C-alpha cells in the first residue's frame, strides 16, 4: 500500500506516549499511529458515526433536491470543496508572507 505523508497536531503528552509505545513495541511511530487509526476506524462507534453521517447526507440531499446524486458524487463534491478551502487558506498565507 502506498504511503502518504501527513502532518498532525496532537497533544504533547499523546505524542510522547506514542513515541514511548513505538520504542517499546519496536516499531516506528508511523506504524503505531497507522495501526491505532485503523483500529479506531474499525470500531463499532465509527461504524455508527458513519451511518449517522450517511443519514445526514441523505437528509441534506433530499432537502437540497440532490436525491439523484450518488454517494460517490457527494464524496467527490466534499473532497473538491475541501481542496478549494485549503487552496484559499494557502493563498491567504502566501499573500501574508509576501507582505511581511
Protein backbone atom coordinates (compact mmCIF):
# COMPACT_ATOMS: atom_id res chain seq x y z
CA UNK A 1 0.00 0.00 0.00
CA UNK A 2 1.33 3.44 -0.90
CA UNK A 3 2.06 5.76 2.00
CA UNK A 4 1.15 9.44 2.18
CA UNK A 5 2.93 11.94 4.39
CA UNK A 6 0.60 13.95 6.61
CA UNK A 7 1.02 16.46 9.41
CA UNK A 8 -0.96 16.05 12.62
CA UNK A 9 -1.28 18.35 15.58
CA UNK A 10 -1.84 16.30 18.72
CA UNK A 11 -1.46 16.86 22.45
CA UNK A 12 2.18 16.76 23.53
CA UNK A 13 1.52 14.02 26.09
CA UNK A 14 -0.11 11.85 23.40
CA UNK A 15 2.92 12.37 21.13
CA UNK A 16 5.27 11.35 23.96
CA UNK A 17 3.16 8.30 24.78
CA UNK A 18 3.19 7.28 21.09
CA UNK A 19 6.98 7.61 20.97
CA UNK A 20 7.42 5.51 24.12
CA UNK A 21 4.96 2.88 22.87
CA UNK A 22 6.70 2.74 19.49
CA UNK A 23 10.04 2.18 21.17
CA UNK A 24 8.58 -0.46 23.49
CA UNK A 25 6.96 -2.35 20.60
CA UNK A 26 9.99 -1.90 18.34
CA UNK A 27 8.06 -0.20 15.56
CA UNK A 28 8.03 3.29 14.14
CA UNK A 29 5.67 5.97 15.36
CA UNK A 30 4.11 6.00 11.89
CA UNK A 31 3.28 2.30 12.10
CA UNK A 32 1.92 2.71 15.62
CA UNK A 33 -0.30 5.65 14.66
CA UNK A 34 -1.49 3.92 11.49
CA UNK A 35 -2.46 0.80 13.47
CA UNK A 36 -4.27 2.95 16.04
CA UNK A 37 -6.23 4.79 13.35
CA UNK A 38 -7.15 1.54 11.58
CA UNK A 39 -8.29 0.05 14.89
CA UNK A 40 -10.34 3.17 15.63
CA UNK A 41 -11.94 3.20 12.18
CA UNK A 42 -12.91 -0.45 12.53
CA UNK A 43 -14.61 0.15 15.87
CA UNK A 44 -18.37 -0.08 16.30
CA UNK A 45 -18.61 3.58 17.30
CA UNK A 46 -17.11 4.70 13.99
CA UNK A 47 -19.47 2.48 12.04
CA UNK A 48 -22.36 4.04 13.95
CA UNK A 49 -20.97 7.53 13.29
CA UNK A 50 -20.55 6.73 9.59
CA UNK A 51 -24.16 5.52 9.41
CA UNK A 52 -25.25 8.77 11.07
CA UNK A 53 -23.22 10.80 8.60
CA UNK A 54 -24.74 8.95 5.64
CA UNK A 55 -28.21 9.56 7.08
CA UNK A 56 -27.42 13.27 7.48
CA UNK A 57 -26.08 13.45 3.91
CA UNK A 58 -29.26 11.77 2.69
CA UNK A 59 -31.38 14.33 4.56
CA UNK A 60 -29.35 17.19 3.08
CA UNK A 61 -29.67 15.65 -0.38
CA UNK A 62 -33.44 15.43 -0.08
CA UNK A 63 -33.78 18.97 1.24
CA UNK A 64 -31.45 20.27 -1.48
CA UNK A 65 -33.11 18.36 -4.33
CA UNK A 66 -29.94 16.30 -4.77
CA UNK A 67 -31.69 12.94 -4.49
CA UNK A 68 -30.33 11.65 -7.81
CA UNK A 69 -26.67 12.16 -6.83
CA UNK A 70 -24.75 9.04 -5.84
CA UNK A 71 -22.77 8.73 -2.61
CA UNK A 72 -19.56 8.75 -4.67
CA UNK A 73 -20.57 12.04 -6.29
CA UNK A 74 -21.36 13.52 -2.88
CA UNK A 75 -17.96 12.43 -1.57
CA UNK A 76 -16.25 13.83 -4.68
CA UNK A 77 -18.03 17.14 -4.13
CA UNK A 78 -16.95 17.20 -0.47
CA UNK A 79 -13.34 16.49 -1.46
CA UNK A 80 -13.39 19.25 -4.10
CA UNK A 81 -14.79 21.73 -1.58
CA UNK A 82 -12.17 20.73 0.99
CA UNK A 83 -9.38 21.21 -1.55
CA UNK A 84 -10.80 24.61 -2.52
CA UNK A 85 -10.91 25.73 1.12
CA UNK A 86 -7.33 24.53 1.66
CA UNK A 87 -6.13 26.30 -1.50
CA UNK A 88 -7.80 29.54 -0.44
CA UNK A 89 -6.21 29.23 3.00
CA UNK A 90 -2.80 28.56 1.43
CA UNK A 91 -3.20 31.53 -0.95
CA UNK A 92 -4.01 33.81 2.01
CA UNK A 93 -0.95 32.57 3.90
CA UNK A 94 1.26 33.16 0.87
CA UNK A 95 -0.17 36.67 0.46
CA UNK A 96 0.57 37.44 4.10
CA UNK A 97 4.12 36.09 3.71
CA UNK A 98 4.73 38.33 0.67
CA UNK A 99 3.52 41.38 2.59
CA UNK A 100 5.79 40.65 5.56
